[in-house]
Amino acid sequence: MNNLKIDLGINRCSECSKFNKGVSIYEMFNWASDNFDKAIAFDKENDEIVVFEEFLMYIIKMVNPIQADKKIRIEKLKDYWDKVK
């Protein structure tokens, strides 16, 4: 009976913090969410998803807290890699 080991499944605070940030980011991009602070919208007239630059920068800073505000450019991955080759 001395070899009994019990794991309670309690996360360290840093793990909980990362999980909570992930849930917050998920909610910002979830169409079905009732959350009013979404990072996206849908433009029906042009059939486009709109990403709000301020929210995208906020999300980047959630994951990388020391990140300074920067302009954001959206590109296709292939186009970017073709430029940096």
Protein backbone atom coordinates (compact mmCIF):
# COMPACT_ATOMS: atom_id res chain seq x y z
CA MET A 1 0.00 0.00 0.00
CA ASN A 2 3.03 2.34 0.31
CA ASN A 3 3.40 2.48 -3.49
CA LEU A 4 0.01 4.13 -4.03
CA LYS A 5 0.27 7.10 -6.40
CA ILE A 6 -2.58 9.53 -7.02
CA ASP A 7 -2.61 12.06 -9.87
CA LEU A 8 -5.21 14.74 -9.33
CA GLY A 9 -4.98 16.24 -12.82
CA ILE A 10 -4.46 19.77 -11.53
CA ASN A 11 -2.81 22.07 -14.07
CA ARG A 12 -0.12 24.51 -13.10
CA CYS A 13 -1.21 28.14 -13.28
CA SER A 14 0.82 28.75 -16.47
CA GLU A 15 -0.92 25.84 -18.20
CA CYS A 16 -4.34 27.17 -17.17
CA SER A 17 -3.41 30.63 -18.42
CA LYS A 18 -2.42 29.23 -21.84
CA PHE A 19 -5.64 27.22 -22.01
CA ASN A 20 -7.74 30.27 -21.10
CA LYS A 21 -6.01 32.36 -23.80
CA GLY A 22 -6.71 29.60 -26.31
CA VAL A 23 -10.39 29.57 -25.37
CA SER A 24 -10.54 33.38 -25.69
CA ILE A 25 -8.94 33.24 -29.15
CA TYR A 26 -11.33 30.47 -30.20
CA GLU A 27 -14.31 32.57 -29.11
CA MET A 28 -13.06 35.58 -31.11
CA PHE A 29 -13.05 33.47 -34.31
CA ASN A 30 -16.17 31.39 -33.62
CA TRP A 31 -19.19 32.38 -35.74
CA ALA A 32 -21.61 30.70 -33.33
CA SER A 33 -20.28 32.49 -30.24
CA ASP A 34 -22.49 35.04 -28.52
CA ASN A 35 -19.34 36.94 -27.64
CA PHE A 36 -19.61 40.52 -28.91
CA ASP A 37 -15.87 41.11 -29.26
CA LYS A 38 -15.22 39.06 -32.38
CA ALA A 39 -12.08 39.37 -34.46
CA ILE A 40 -14.04 38.64 -37.63
CA ALA A 41 -17.17 39.60 -39.52
CA PHE A 42 -18.74 38.55 -42.79
CA ASP A 43 -19.28 40.97 -45.66
CA LYS A 44 -22.24 39.43 -47.53
CA GLU A 45 -22.13 41.93 -50.37
CA ASN A 46 -18.56 40.95 -51.33
CA ASP A 47 -18.69 37.37 -49.95
CA GLU A 48 -15.60 38.04 -47.81
CA ILE A 49 -14.48 37.37 -44.27
CA VAL A 50 -13.31 40.57 -42.62
CA VAL A 51 -10.54 40.34 -40.00
CA PHE A 52 -10.20 43.33 -37.71
CA GLU A 53 -6.57 44.42 -37.51
CA GLU A 54 -6.89 45.62 -33.90
CA PHE A 55 -8.20 42.26 -32.71
CA LEU A 56 -5.55 40.37 -34.64
CA MET A 57 -2.83 42.48 -33.00
CA TYR A 58 -4.52 41.90 -29.61
CA ILE A 59 -4.42 38.13 -30.19
CA ILE A 60 -0.76 38.24 -31.24
CA LYS A 61 0.02 40.18 -28.05
CA MET A 62 -1.96 37.69 -25.93
CA VAL A 63 0.43 34.97 -27.08
CA ASN A 64 3.53 37.21 -27.23
CA PRO A 65 3.06 39.80 -24.45
CA ILE A 66 6.17 41.86 -25.27
CA GLN A 67 5.17 42.33 -28.91
CA ALA A 68 4.95 46.00 -29.86
CA ASP A 69 2.06 47.15 -32.03
CA LYS A 70 2.85 46.71 -35.73
CA LYS A 71 1.00 47.03 -39.00
CA ILE A 72 -0.42 43.71 -40.17
CA ARG A 73 -0.34 42.47 -43.76
CA ILE A 74 -2.37 39.47 -44.88
CA GLU A 75 -0.75 37.40 -47.64
CA LYS A 76 -1.04 33.99 -49.19
CA LEU A 77 1.69 31.71 -47.82
CA LYS A 78 2.97 30.81 -51.30
CA ASP A 79 3.27 34.49 -52.29
CA TYR A 80 5.25 35.24 -49.13
CA TRP A 81 7.66 32.32 -49.62
CA ASP A 82 8.16 33.27 -53.28
CA LYS A 83 9.27 36.74 -52.12
CA VAL A 84 11.71 35.59 -49.44
CA LYS A 85 13.46 32.85 -51.44
